[in-house]
């Protein structure tokens, strides 16, 4: 009797949903429920909230976060290249030079547009 190959994939998908859900469901049933006014208040970083909790953030914060992510991803691509530095052919150096040049052009563009200015 030949076992259908798709049954193993179905079992893996089912397990990927069941195993993470089990602790959440069990915790939901076993958790103590003692709601009160203090527990319902907004709490952030150990400081009590004064005024409204809705504050508009400057777009500048998001731009810094995006620039950070771009250079963080650059490091992810550069790390394997740096590890295998001694075994790479000349073509790999040219590729990495182009990659770094493109990122440098993007940084210069963001700098020229004032995206890195604070204020």
PDB file of N, CA and C in Angstrom:
ATOM      1  N   UNK A   1       0.840  -1.175   0.000  1.00  0.00           N
ATOM      2  CA  UNK A   1       0.000   0.000   0.000  1.00  0.00           C
ATOM      3  C   UNK A   1       0.893   1.249   0.000  1.00  0.00           C
ATOM      4  N   UNK A   2       0.685   2.096  -0.976  1.00  0.00           N
ATOM      5  CA  UNK A   2       1.495   3.291  -1.104  1.00  0.00           C
ATOM      6  C   UNK A   2       0.799   4.461  -0.392  1.00  0.00           C
ATOM      7  N   UNK A   3       1.577   5.136   0.453  1.00  0.00           N
ATOM      8  CA  UNK A   3       1.033   6.267   1.202  1.00  0.00           C
ATOM      9  C   UNK A   3       1.087   7.501   0.307  1.00  0.00           C
ATOM     10  N   UNK A   4      -0.005   8.236   0.324  1.00  0.00           N
ATOM     11  CA  UNK A   4      -0.053   9.454  -0.478  1.00  0.00           C
ATOM     12  C   UNK A   4       0.995  10.444   0.058  1.00  0.00           C
ATOM     13  N   UNK A   5       1.784  11.028  -0.844  1.00  0.00           N
ATOM     14  CA  UNK A   5       2.860  11.928  -0.438  1.00  0.00           C
ATOM     15  C   UNK A   5       2.332  13.232   0.144  1.00  0.00           C
ATOM     16  N   UNK A   6       1.155  13.622  -0.245  1.00  0.00           N
ATOM     17  CA  UNK A   6       0.588  14.883   0.227  1.00  0.00           C
ATOM     18  C   UNK A   6       0.109  14.806   1.673  1.00  0.00           C
ATOM     19  N   UNK A   7      -0.090  13.610   2.185  1.00  0.00           N
ATOM     20  CA  UNK A   7      -0.563  13.472   3.565  1.00  0.00           C
ATOM     21  C   UNK A   7       0.485  14.002   4.548  1.00  0.00           C
ATOM     22  N   UNK A   8       1.766  13.835   4.241  1.00  0.00           N
ATOM     23  CA  UNK A   8       2.819  14.334   5.121  1.00  0.00           C
ATOM     24  C   UNK A   8       2.853  15.863   5.133  1.00  0.00           C
ATOM     25  N   UNK A   9       2.608  16.464   3.993  1.00  0.00           N
ATOM     26  CA  UNK A   9       2.546  17.925   3.928  1.00  0.00           C
ATOM     27  C   UNK A   9       1.344  18.429   4.709  1.00  0.00           C
ATOM     28  N   UNK A  10       0.212  17.743   4.579  1.00  0.00           N
ATOM     29  CA  UNK A  10      -0.983  18.131   5.327  1.00  0.00           C
ATOM     30  C   UNK A  10      -0.756  18.007   6.828  1.00  0.00           C
ATOM     31  N   UNK A  11      -0.086  16.941   7.243  1.00  0.00           N
ATOM     32  CA  UNK A  11       0.210  16.759   8.668  1.00  0.00           C
ATOM     33  C   UNK A  11       1.154  17.861   9.156  1.00  0.00           C
ATOM     34  N   UNK A  12       2.141  18.227   8.376  1.00  0.00           N
ATOM     35  CA  UNK A  12       3.069  19.284   8.755  1.00  0.00           C
ATOM     36  C   UNK A  12       2.351  20.629   8.867  1.00  0.00           C
ATOM     37  N   UNK A  13       1.471  20.919   7.933  1.00  0.00           N
ATOM     38  CA  UNK A  13       0.714  22.174   7.993  1.00  0.00           C
ATOM     39  C   UNK A  13      -0.201  22.174   9.208  1.00  0.00           C
ATOM     40  N   UNK A  14      -0.870  21.066   9.463  1.00  0.00           N
ATOM     41  CA  UNK A  14      -1.740  20.967  10.634  1.00  0.00           C
ATOM     42  C   UNK A  14      -0.939  21.139  11.924  1.00  0.00           C
ATOM     43  N   UNK A  15       0.208  20.499  11.996  1.00  0.00           N
ATOM     44  CA  UNK A  15       1.048  20.617  13.186  1.00  0.00           C
ATOM     45  C   UNK A  15       1.558  22.052  13.356  1.00  0.00           C
ATOM     46  N   UNK A  16       1.843  22.735  12.243  1.00  0.00           N
ATOM     47  CA  UNK A  16       2.330  24.111  12.343  1.00  0.00           C
ATOM     48  C   UNK A  16       1.261  25.057  12.859  1.00  0.00           C
ATOM     49  N   UNK A  17       0.006  24.673  12.762  1.00  0.00           N
ATOM     50  CA  UNK A  17      -1.077  25.485  13.323  1.00  0.00           C
ATOM     51  C   UNK A  17      -1.446  25.034  14.735  1.00  0.00           C
ATOM     52  N   UNK A  18      -1.428  23.742  14.973  1.00  0.00           N
ATOM     53  CA  UNK A  18      -1.892  23.208  16.257  1.00  0.00           C
ATOM     54  C   UNK A  18      -0.881  23.467  17.373  1.00  0.00           C
ATOM     55  N   UNK A  19       0.398  23.201  17.142  1.00  0.00           N
ATOM     56  CA  UNK A  19       1.389  23.343  18.212  1.00  0.00           C
ATOM     57  C   UNK A  19       1.518  24.779  18.739  1.00  0.00           C
ATOM     58  N   UNK A  20       1.538  25.804  17.900  1.00  0.00           N
ATOM     59  CA  UNK A  20       1.559  27.158  18.471  1.00  0.00           C
ATOM     60  C   UNK A  20       0.229  27.557  19.122  1.00  0.00           C
ATOM     61  N   UNK A  21      -0.875  27.019  18.627  1.00  0.00           N
ATOM     62  CA  UNK A  21      -2.189  27.393  19.163  1.00  0.00           C
ATOM     63  C   UNK A  21      -2.469  26.722  20.506  1.00  0.00           C
ATOM     64  N   UNK A  22      -1.933  25.542  20.728  1.00  0.00           N
ATOM     65  CA  UNK A  22      -2.221  24.819  21.973  1.00  0.00           C
ATOM     66  C   UNK A  22      -1.863  25.603  23.230  1.00  0.00           C
ATOM     67  N   UNK A  23      -0.655  26.154  23.380  1.00  0.00           N
ATOM     68  CA  UNK A  23      -0.360  26.912  24.597  1.00  0.00           C
ATOM     69  C   UNK A  23      -1.264  28.139  24.773  1.00  0.00           C
ATOM     70  N   UNK A  24      -1.643  28.774  23.673  1.00  0.00           N
ATOM     71  CA  UNK A  24      -2.516  29.931  23.774  1.00  0.00           C
ATOM     72  C   UNK A  24      -3.907  29.547  24.269  1.00  0.00           C
ATOM     73  N   UNK A  25      -4.430  28.447  23.745  1.00  0.00           N
ATOM     74  CA  UNK A  25      -5.753  27.976  24.167  1.00  0.00           C
ATOM     75  C   UNK A  25      -5.711  27.507  25.615  1.00  0.00           C
ATOM     76  N   UNK A  26      -4.696  26.766  25.975  1.00  0.00           N
ATOM     77  CA  UNK A  26      -4.576  26.269  27.357  1.00  0.00           C
ATOM     78  C   UNK A  26      -4.424  27.445  28.324  1.00  0.00           C
ATOM     79  N   UNK A  27      -3.612  28.430  27.977  1.00  0.00           N
ATOM     80  CA  UNK A  27      -3.432  29.607  28.838  1.00  0.00           C
ATOM     81  C   UNK A  27      -4.730  30.389  28.973  1.00  0.00           C
ATOM     82  N   UNK A  28      -5.521  30.425  27.913  1.00  0.00           N
ATOM     83  CA  UNK A  28      -6.809  31.141  27.961  1.00  0.00           C
ATOM     84  C   UNK A  28      -7.743  30.511  28.987  1.00  0.00           C
ATOM     85  N   UNK A  29      -7.744  29.187  29.080  1.00  0.00           N
ATOM     86  CA  UNK A  29      -8.621  28.504  30.027  1.00  0.00           C
ATOM     87  C   UNK A  29      -8.071  28.530  31.452  1.00  0.00           C
ATOM     88  N   UNK A  30      -6.750  28.544  31.612  1.00  0.00           N
ATOM     89  CA  UNK A  30      -6.150  28.459  32.937  1.00  0.00           C
ATOM     90  C   UNK A  30      -5.818  29.814  33.556  1.00  0.00           C
ATOM     91  N   UNK A  31      -5.906  30.883  32.806  1.00  0.00           N
ATOM     92  CA  UNK A  31      -5.507  32.187  33.327  1.00  0.00           C
ATOM     93  C   UNK A  31      -6.465  32.668  34.423  1.00  0.00           C
ATOM     94  N   UNK A  32      -5.940  33.333  35.433  1.00  0.00           N
ATOM     95  CA  UNK A  32      -6.827  33.917  36.442  1.00  0.00           C
ATOM     96  C   UNK A  32      -7.499  35.166  35.866  1.00  0.00           C
ATOM     97  N   UNK A  33      -8.782  35.315  36.160  1.00  0.00           N
ATOM     98  CA  UNK A  33      -9.526  36.475  35.661  1.00  0.00           C
ATOM     99  C   UNK A  33      -9.995  37.303  36.853  1.00  0.00           C
ATOM    100  N   UNK A  34      -9.263  38.358  37.129  1.00  0.00           N
ATOM    101  CA  UNK A  34      -9.625  39.280  38.203  1.00  0.00           C
ATOM    102  C   UNK A  34      -9.510  40.715  37.673  1.00  0.00           C
ATOM    103  N   UNK A  35     -10.399  41.120  36.768  1.00  0.00           N
ATOM    104  CA  UNK A  35     -10.274  42.476  36.203  1.00  0.00           C
ATOM    105  C   UNK A  35     -10.613  43.541  37.248  1.00  0.00           C
ATOM    106  N   UNK A  36      -9.880  44.649  37.195  1.00  0.00           N
ATOM    107  CA  UNK A  36     -10.208  45.806  38.010  1.00  0.00           C
ATOM    108  C   UNK A  36      -9.797  47.066  37.255  1.00  0.00           C
ATOM    109  N   UNK A  37     -10.095  48.215  37.823  1.00  0.00           N
ATOM    110  CA  UNK A  37      -9.858  49.468  37.116  1.00  0.00           C
ATOM    111  C   UNK A  37      -8.374  49.716  36.836  1.00  0.00           C
ATOM    112  N   UNK A  38      -7.503  49.367  37.760  1.00  0.00           N
ATOM    113  CA  UNK A  38      -6.068  49.608  37.578  1.00  0.00           C
ATOM    114  C   UNK A  38      -5.512  48.760  36.436  1.00  0.00           C
ATOM    115  N   UNK A  39      -5.984  47.527  36.322  1.00  0.00           N
ATOM    116  CA  UNK A  39      -5.495  46.663  35.248  1.00  0.00           C
ATOM    117  C   UNK A  39      -5.991  47.112  33.881  1.00  0.00           C
ATOM    118  N   UNK A  40      -7.074  47.843  33.816  1.00  0.00           N
ATOM    119  CA  UNK A  40      -7.631  48.289  32.537  1.00  0.00           C
ATOM    120  C   UNK A  40      -6.996  49.589  32.037  1.00  0.00           C
ATOM    121  N   UNK A  41      -6.202  50.255  32.876  1.00  0.00           N
ATOM    122  CA  UNK A  41      -5.594  51.520  32.468  1.00  0.00           C
ATOM    123  C   UNK A  41      -4.443  51.300  31.489  1.00  0.00           C
ATOM    124  N   UNK A  42      -4.185  52.311  30.678  1.00  0.00           N
ATOM    125  CA  UNK A  42      -3.070  52.264  29.744  1.00  0.00           C
ATOM    126  C   UNK A  42      -1.767  52.381  30.519  1.00  0.00           C
ATOM    127  N   UNK A  43      -0.834  51.509  30.204  1.00  0.00           N
ATOM    128  CA  UNK A  43       0.448  51.470  30.913  1.00  0.00           C
ATOM    129  C   UNK A  43       1.549  51.329  29.888  1.00  0.00           C
ATOM    130  N   UNK A  44       2.519  52.232  29.944  1.00  0.00           N
ATOM    131  CA  UNK A  44       3.602  52.154  28.978  1.00  0.00           C
ATOM    132  C   UNK A  44       4.910  52.564  29.630  1.00  0.00           C
ATOM    133  N   UNK A  45       5.879  51.708  29.595  1.00  0.00           N
ATOM    134  CA  UNK A  45       7.240  51.985  30.050  1.00  0.00           C
ATOM    135  C   UNK A  45       7.318  52.412  31.511  1.00  0.00           C
ATOM    136  N   UNK A  46       6.401  51.984  32.334  1.00  0.00           N
ATOM    137  CA  UNK A  46       6.451  52.308  33.745  1.00  0.00           C
ATOM    138  C   UNK A  46       5.985  53.701  34.087  1.00  0.00           C
ATOM    139  N   UNK A  47       5.480  54.441  33.107  1.00  0.00           N
ATOM    140  CA  UNK A  47       5.035  55.810  33.339  1.00  0.00           C
ATOM    141  C   UNK A  47       3.522  55.858  33.127  1.00  0.00           C
ATOM    142  N   UNK A  48       2.834  56.472  34.066  1.00  0.00           N
ATOM    143  CA  UNK A  48       1.396  56.599  33.911  1.00  0.00           C
ATOM    144  C   UNK A  48       1.086  57.578  32.786  1.00  0.00           C
ATOM    145  N   UNK A  49       0.045  57.276  32.045  1.00  0.00           N
ATOM    146  CA  UNK A  49      -0.332  58.107  30.911  1.00  0.00           C
ATOM    147  C   UNK A  49      -1.015  59.375  31.403  1.00  0.00           C
ATOM    148  N   UNK A  50      -0.586  60.499  30.856  1.00  0.00           N
ATOM    149  CA  UNK A  50      -1.205  61.783  31.175  1.00  0.00           C
ATOM    150  C   UNK A  50      -1.789  62.322  29.881  1.00  0.00           C
ATOM    151  N   UNK A  51      -3.048  62.630  29.883  1.00  0.00           N
ATOM    152  CA  UNK A  51      -3.689  63.140  28.675  1.00  0.00           C
ATOM    153  C   UNK A  51      -4.098  61.995  27.764  1.00  0.00           C
ATOM    154  N   UNK A  52      -4.239  62.312  26.491  1.00  0.00           N
ATOM    155  CA  UNK A  52      -4.648  61.276  25.538  1.00  0.00           C
ATOM    156  C   UNK A  52      -3.448  60.427  25.138  1.00  0.00           C
ATOM    157  N   UNK A  53      -3.716  59.186  24.813  1.00  0.00           N
ATOM    158  CA  UNK A  53      -2.648  58.274  24.417  1.00  0.00           C
ATOM    159  C   UNK A  53      -2.348  58.380  22.919  1.00  0.00           C
ATOM    160  N   UNK A  54      -3.192  59.093  22.178  1.00  0.00           N
ATOM    161  CA  UNK A  54      -2.984  59.224  20.736  1.00  0.00           C
ATOM    162  C   UNK A  54      -2.094  60.414  20.451  1.00  0.00           C
ATOM    163  N   UNK A  55      -0.880  60.126  20.013  1.00  0.00           N
ATOM    164  CA  UNK A  55       0.081  61.166  19.690  1.00  0.00           C
ATOM    165  C   UNK A  55       0.559  60.929  18.264  1.00  0.00           C
ATOM    166  N   UNK A  56       0.603  61.989  17.481  1.00  0.00           N
ATOM    167  CA  UNK A  56       1.102  61.848  16.119  1.00  0.00           C
ATOM    168  C   UNK A  56       2.618  61.921  16.131  1.00  0.00           C
ATOM    169  N   UNK A  57       3.245  60.940  15.502  1.00  0.00           N
ATOM    170  CA  UNK A  57       4.696  60.933  15.402  1.00  0.00           C
ATOM    171  C   UNK A  57       5.111  61.610  14.109  1.00  0.00           C
ATOM    172  N   UNK A  58       6.281  62.180  14.139  1.00  0.00           N
ATOM    173  CA  UNK A  58       6.807  62.807  12.937  1.00  0.00           C
ATOM    174  C   UNK A  58       7.191  61.720  11.930  1.00  0.00           C
ATOM    175  N   UNK A  59       7.051  62.026  10.684  1.00  0.00           N
ATOM    176  CA  UNK A  59       7.427  61.096   9.621  1.00  0.00           C
ATOM    177  C   UNK A  59       8.918  60.813   9.671  1.00  0.00           C
ATOM    178  N   UNK A  60       9.679  61.727  10.247  1.00  0.00           N
ATOM    179  CA  UNK A  60      11.133  61.599  10.341  1.00  0.00           C
ATOM    180  C   UNK A  60      11.534  60.286  11.022  1.00  0.00           C
ATOM    181  N   UNK A  61      10.778  59.885  12.044  1.00  0.00           N
ATOM    182  CA  UNK A  61      11.099  58.640  12.743  1.00  0.00           C
ATOM    183  C   UNK A  61      11.024  57.449  11.789  1.00  0.00           C
ATOM    184  N   UNK A  62      10.003  57.436  10.952  1.00  0.00           N
ATOM    185  CA  UNK A  62       9.841  56.334  10.006  1.00  0.00           C
ATOM    186  C   UNK A  62      10.938  56.347   8.950  1.00  0.00           C
ATOM    187  N   UNK A  63      11.336  57.525   8.525  1.00  0.00           N
ATOM    188  CA  UNK A  63      12.419  57.604   7.539  1.00  0.00           C
ATOM    189  C   UNK A  63      13.719  57.057   8.116  1.00  0.00           C
ATOM    190  N   UNK A  64      14.008  57.410   9.366  1.00  0.00           N
ATOM    191  CA  UNK A  64      15.211  56.866   9.998  1.00  0.00           C
ATOM    192  C   UNK A  64      15.118  55.353  10.123  1.00  0.00           C
ATOM    193  N   UNK A  65      13.944  54.859  10.455  1.00  0.00           N
ATOM    194  CA  UNK A  65      13.763  53.411  10.575  1.00  0.00           C
ATOM    195  C   UNK A  65      13.978  52.730   9.227  1.00  0.00           C
ATOM    196  N   UNK A  66      13.470  53.316   8.154  1.00  0.00           N
ATOM    197  CA  UNK A  66      13.642  52.721   6.827  1.00  0.00           C
ATOM    198  C   UNK A  66      15.099  52.754   6.383  1.00  0.00           C
ATOM    199  N   UNK A  67      15.779  53.856   6.648  1.00  0.00           N
ATOM    200  CA  UNK A  67      17.203  53.933   6.291  1.00  0.00           C
ATOM    201  C   UNK A  67      17.991  52.906   7.089  1.00  0.00           C
ATOM    202  N   UNK A  68      17.645  52.750   8.375  1.00  0.00           N
ATOM    203  CA  UNK A  68      18.308  51.736   9.192  1.00  0.00           C
ATOM    204  C   UNK A  68      18.078  50.342   8.620  1.00  0.00           C
ATOM    205  N   UNK A  69      16.850  50.037   8.205  1.00  0.00           N
ATOM    206  CA  UNK A  69      16.562  48.716   7.639  1.00  0.00           C
ATOM    207  C   UNK A  69      17.338  48.478   6.357  1.00  0.00           C
ATOM    208  N   UNK A  70      17.459  49.501   5.529  1.00  0.00           N
ATOM    209  CA  UNK A  70      18.220  49.353   4.280  1.00  0.00           C
ATOM    210  C   UNK A  70      19.663  48.973   4.582  1.00  0.00           C
ATOM    211  N   UNK A  71      20.280  49.662   5.523  1.00  0.00           N
ATOM    212  CA  UNK A  71      21.679  49.364   5.828  1.00  0.00           C
ATOM    213  C   UNK A  71      21.817  48.087   6.649  1.00  0.00           C
ATOM    214  N   UNK A  72      20.791  47.717   7.384  1.00  0.00           N
ATOM    215  CA  UNK A  72      20.802  46.440   8.086  1.00  0.00           C
ATOM    216  C   UNK A  72      20.757  45.284   7.092  1.00  0.00           C
ATOM    217  N   UNK A  73      19.942  45.417   6.073  1.00  0.00           N
ATOM    218  CA  UNK A  73      19.871  44.385   5.037  1.00  0.00           C
ATOM    219  C   UNK A  73      21.171  44.350   4.242  1.00  0.00           C
ATOM    220  N   UNK A  74      21.790  45.501   4.071  1.00  0.00           N
ATOM    221  CA  UNK A  74      23.089  45.543   3.400  1.00  0.00           C
ATOM    222  C   UNK A  74      24.101  44.685   4.157  1.00  0.00           C
ATOM    223  N   UNK A  75      24.084  44.774   5.471  1.00  0.00           N
ATOM    224  CA  UNK A  75      25.005  43.970   6.276  1.00  0.00           C
ATOM    225  C   UNK A  75      24.705  42.485   6.114  1.00  0.00           C
ATOM    226  N   UNK A  76      23.427  42.134   6.004  1.00  0.00           N
ATOM    227  CA  UNK A  76      23.066  40.727   5.803  1.00  0.00           C
ATOM    228  C   UNK A  76      23.648  40.209   4.493  1.00  0.00           C
ATOM    229  N   UNK A  77      23.673  41.049   3.463  1.00  0.00           N
ATOM    230  CA  UNK A  77      24.243  40.624   2.184  1.00  0.00           C
ATOM    231  C   UNK A  77      25.768  40.664   2.187  1.00  0.00           C
ATOM    232  N   UNK A  78      26.349  41.581   2.954  1.00  0.00           N
ATOM    233  CA  UNK A  78      27.798  41.695   2.983  1.00  0.00           C
ATOM    234  C   UNK A  78      28.473  40.627   3.839  1.00  0.00           C
ATOM    235  N   UNK A  79      27.796  40.132   4.853  1.00  0.00           N
ATOM    236  CA  UNK A  79      28.420  39.194   5.776  1.00  0.00           C
ATOM    237  C   UNK A  79      28.888  37.896   5.100  1.00  0.00           C
ATOM    238  N   UNK A  80      28.044  37.207   4.316  1.00  0.00           N
ATOM    239  CA  UNK A  80      28.538  35.992   3.647  1.00  0.00           C
ATOM    240  C   UNK A  80      29.677  36.289   2.671  1.00  0.00           C
ATOM    241  N   UNK A  81      29.607  37.447   2.039  1.00  0.00           N
ATOM    242  CA  UNK A  81      30.670  37.832   1.111  1.00  0.00           C
ATOM    243  C   UNK A  81      31.978  38.021   1.870  1.00  0.00           C
ATOM    244  N   UNK A  82      31.916  38.635   3.042  1.00  0.00           N
ATOM    245  CA  UNK A  82      33.122  38.864   3.832  1.00  0.00           C
ATOM    246  C   UNK A  82      33.683  37.560   4.388  1.00  0.00           C
ATOM    247  N   UNK A  83      32.820  36.613   4.711  1.00  0.00           N
ATOM    248  CA  UNK A  83      33.285  35.331   5.249  1.00  0.00           C
ATOM    249  C   UNK A  83      34.056  34.550   4.186  1.00  0.00           C
ATOM    250  N   UNK A  84      33.573  34.608   2.952  1.00  0.00           N
ATOM    251  CA  UNK A  84      34.209  33.859   1.863  1.00  0.00           C
ATOM    252  C   UNK A  84      35.150  34.740   1.049  1.00  0.00           C
ATOM    253  N   UNK A  85      35.670  35.796   1.632  1.00  0.00           N
ATOM    254  CA  UNK A  85      36.484  36.797   0.924  1.00  0.00           C
ATOM    255  C   UNK A  85      37.672  36.174   0.192  1.00  0.00           C
ATOM    256  N   UNK A  86      38.390  35.250   0.828  1.00  0.00           N
ATOM    257  CA  UNK A  86      39.605  34.681   0.230  1.00  0.00           C
ATOM    258  C   UNK A  86      39.323  33.718  -0.911  1.00  0.00           C
ATOM    259  N   UNK A  87      38.124  33.200  -1.021  1.00  0.00           N
ATOM    260  CA  UNK A  87      37.815  32.182  -2.029  1.00  0.00           C
ATOM    261  C   UNK A  87      36.996  32.716  -3.197  1.00  0.00           C
ATOM    262  N   UNK A  88      36.726  34.013  -3.228  1.00  0.00           N
ATOM    263  CA  UNK A  88      35.851  34.567  -4.256  1.00  0.00           C
ATOM    264  C   UNK A  88      36.638  34.982  -5.498  1.00  0.00           C
ATOM    265  N   UNK A  89      36.028  34.815  -6.663  1.00  0.00           N
ATOM    266  CA  UNK A  89      36.683  35.280  -7.897  1.00  0.00           C
ATOM    267  C   UNK A  89      36.517  36.796  -8.050  1.00  0.00           C
ATOM    268  N   UNK A  90      37.157  37.333  -9.061  1.00  0.00           N
ATOM    269  CA  UNK A  90      37.109  38.775  -9.317  1.00  0.00           C
ATOM    270  C   UNK A  90      35.686  39.253  -9.584  1.00  0.00           C
ATOM    271  N   UNK A  91      34.869  38.419 -10.204  1.00  0.00           N
ATOM    272  CA  UNK A  91      33.490  38.786 -10.516  1.00  0.00           C
ATOM    273  C   UNK A  91      32.708  39.130  -9.245  1.00  0.00           C
ATOM    274  N   UNK A  92      32.962  38.407  -8.148  1.00  0.00           N
ATOM    275  CA  UNK A  92      32.274  38.677  -6.888  1.00  0.00           C
ATOM    276  C   UNK A  92      32.661  40.047  -6.338  1.00  0.00           C
ATOM    277  N   UNK A  93      33.891  40.454  -6.508  1.00  0.00           N
ATOM    278  CA  UNK A  93      34.317  41.770  -6.056  1.00  0.00           C
ATOM    279  C   UNK A  93      33.639  42.871  -6.868  1.00  0.00           C
ATOM    280  N   UNK A  94      33.516  42.632  -8.166  1.00  0.00           N
ATOM    281  CA  UNK A  94      32.841  43.608  -9.026  1.00  0.00           C
ATOM    282  C   UNK A  94      31.370  43.721  -8.633  1.00  0.00           C
ATOM    283  N   UNK A  95      30.719  42.575  -8.411  1.00  0.00           N
ATOM    284  CA  UNK A  95      29.314  42.585  -7.992  1.00  0.00           C
ATOM    285  C   UNK A  95      29.131  43.347  -6.688  1.00  0.00           C
ATOM    286  N   UNK A  96      29.983  43.080  -5.719  1.00  0.00           N
ATOM    287  CA  UNK A  96      29.847  43.742  -4.419  1.00  0.00           C
ATOM    288  C   UNK A  96      30.172  45.224  -4.537  1.00  0.00           C
ATOM    289  N   UNK A  97      31.104  45.575  -5.392  1.00  0.00           N
ATOM    290  CA  UNK A  97      31.394  46.985  -5.621  1.00  0.00           C
ATOM    291  C   UNK A  97      30.190  47.716  -6.202  1.00  0.00           C
ATOM    292  N   UNK A  98      29.512  47.096  -7.151  1.00  0.00           N
ATOM    293  CA  UNK A  98      28.301  47.688  -7.730  1.00  0.00           C
ATOM    294  C   UNK A  98      27.214  47.813  -6.666  1.00  0.00           C
ATOM    295  N   UNK A  99      27.063  46.786  -5.851  1.00  0.00           N
ATOM    296  CA  UNK A  99      26.058  46.792  -4.780  1.00  0.00           C
ATOM    297  C   UNK A  99      26.320  47.939  -3.797  1.00  0.00           C
ATOM    298  N   UNK A 100      27.550  48.076  -3.364  1.00  0.00           N
ATOM    299  CA  UNK A 100      27.898  49.135  -2.415  1.00  0.00           C
ATOM    300  C   UNK A 100      27.769  50.513  -3.079  1.00  0.00           C
ATOM    301  N   UNK A 101      28.111  50.604  -4.363  1.00  0.00           N
ATOM    302  CA  UNK A 101      27.966  51.878  -5.074  1.00  0.00           C
ATOM    303  C   UNK A 101      26.496  52.285  -5.175  1.00  0.00           C
ATOM    304  N   UNK A 102      25.618  51.332  -5.458  1.00  0.00           N
ATOM    305  CA  UNK A 102      24.192  51.638  -5.520  1.00  0.00           C
ATOM    306  C   UNK A 102      23.672  52.112  -4.166  1.00  0.00           C
ATOM    307  N   UNK A 103      24.108  51.475  -3.111  1.00  0.00           N
ATOM    308  CA  UNK A 103      23.689  51.910  -1.779  1.00  0.00           C
ATOM    309  C   UNK A 103      24.264  53.286  -1.443  1.00  0.00           C
ATOM    310  N   UNK A 104      25.470  53.549  -1.889  1.00  0.00           N
ATOM    311  CA  UNK A 104      26.053  54.873  -1.678  1.00  0.00           C
ATOM    312  C   UNK A 104      25.282  55.950  -2.427  1.00  0.00           C
ATOM    313  N   UNK A 105      24.866  55.653  -3.654  1.00  0.00           N
ATOM    314  CA  UNK A 105      24.063  56.608  -4.430  1.00  0.00           C
ATOM    315  C   UNK A 105      22.727  56.848  -3.731  1.00  0.00           C
ATOM    316  N   UNK A 106      22.113  55.787  -3.206  1.00  0.00           N
ATOM    317  CA  UNK A 106      20.843  55.943  -2.492  1.00  0.00           C
ATOM    318  C   UNK A 106      21.023  56.779  -1.229  1.00  0.00           C
ATOM    319  N   UNK A 107      22.124  56.570  -0.520  1.00  0.00           N
ATOM    320  CA  UNK A 107      22.398  57.366   0.675  1.00  0.00           C
ATOM    321  C   UNK A 107      22.625  58.825   0.312  1.00  0.00           C
ATOM    322  N   UNK A 108      23.374  59.077  -0.749  1.00  0.00           N
ATOM    323  CA  UNK A 108      23.609  60.454  -1.192  1.00  0.00           C
ATOM    324  C   UNK A 108      22.295  61.118  -1.602  1.00  0.00           C
ATOM    325  N   UNK A 109      21.420  60.378  -2.258  1.00  0.00           N
ATOM    326  CA  UNK A 109      20.114  60.915  -2.660  1.00  0.00           C
ATOM    327  C   UNK A 109      19.281  61.281  -1.438  1.00  0.00           C
ATOM    328  N   UNK A 110      19.223  60.369  -0.446  1.00  0.00           N
ATOM    329  CA  UNK A 110      18.455  60.645   0.776  1.00  0.00           C
ATOM    330  C   UNK A 110      19.050  61.837   1.517  1.00  0.00           C
ATOM    331  N   UNK A 111      20.352  61.930   1.531  1.00  0.00           N
ATOM    332  CA  UNK A 111      21.034  63.038   2.208  1.00  0.00           C
ATOM    333  C   UNK A 111      20.712  64.366   1.510  1.00  0.00           C
ATOM    334  N   UNK A 112      20.770  64.345   0.167  1.00  0.00           N
ATOM    335  CA  UNK A 112      20.515  65.564  -0.603  1.00  0.00           C
ATOM    336  C   UNK A 112      19.063  66.031  -0.464  1.00  0.00           C
ATOM    337  N   UNK A 113      18.134  65.073  -0.357  1.00  0.00           N
ATOM    338  CA  UNK A 113      16.723  65.416  -0.196  1.00  0.00           C
ATOM    339  C   UNK A 113      16.399  65.871   1.221  1.00  0.00           C
ATOM    340  N   UNK A 114      17.330  65.730   2.154  1.00  0.00           N
ATOM    341  CA  UNK A 114      17.107  66.178   3.520  1.00  0.00           C
ATOM    342  C   UNK A 114      16.422  65.144   4.401  1.00  0.00           C
ATOM    343  N   UNK A 115      16.392  63.896   3.957  1.00  0.00           N
ATOM    344  CA  UNK A 115      15.727  62.849   4.739  1.00  0.00           C
ATOM    345  C   UNK A 115      16.489  62.528   6.011  1.00  0.00           C
ATOM    346  N   UNK A 116      17.756  62.868   6.074  1.00  0.00           N
ATOM    347  CA  UNK A 116      18.574  62.555   7.257  1.00  0.00           C
ATOM    348  C   UNK A 116      18.715  63.733   8.198  1.00  0.00           C
ATOM    349  N   UNK A 117      18.072  64.847   7.878  1.00  0.00           N
ATOM    350  CA  UNK A 117      18.116  66.032   8.731  1.00  0.00           C
ATOM    351  C   UNK A 117      17.136  65.859   9.881  1.00  0.00           C
ATOM    352  N   UNK A 118      17.578  66.158  11.063  1.00  0.00           N
ATOM    353  CA  UNK A 118      16.692  66.045  12.225  1.00  0.00           C
ATOM    354  C   UNK A 118      16.161  67.437  12.547  1.00  0.00           C
ATOM    355  N   UNK A 119      14.834  67.568  12.509  1.00  0.00           N
ATOM    356  CA  UNK A 119      14.292  68.864  12.899  1.00  0.00           C
ATOM    357  C   UNK A 119      13.236  69.371  12.050  1.00  0.00           C
TER     358      UNK A 119
END
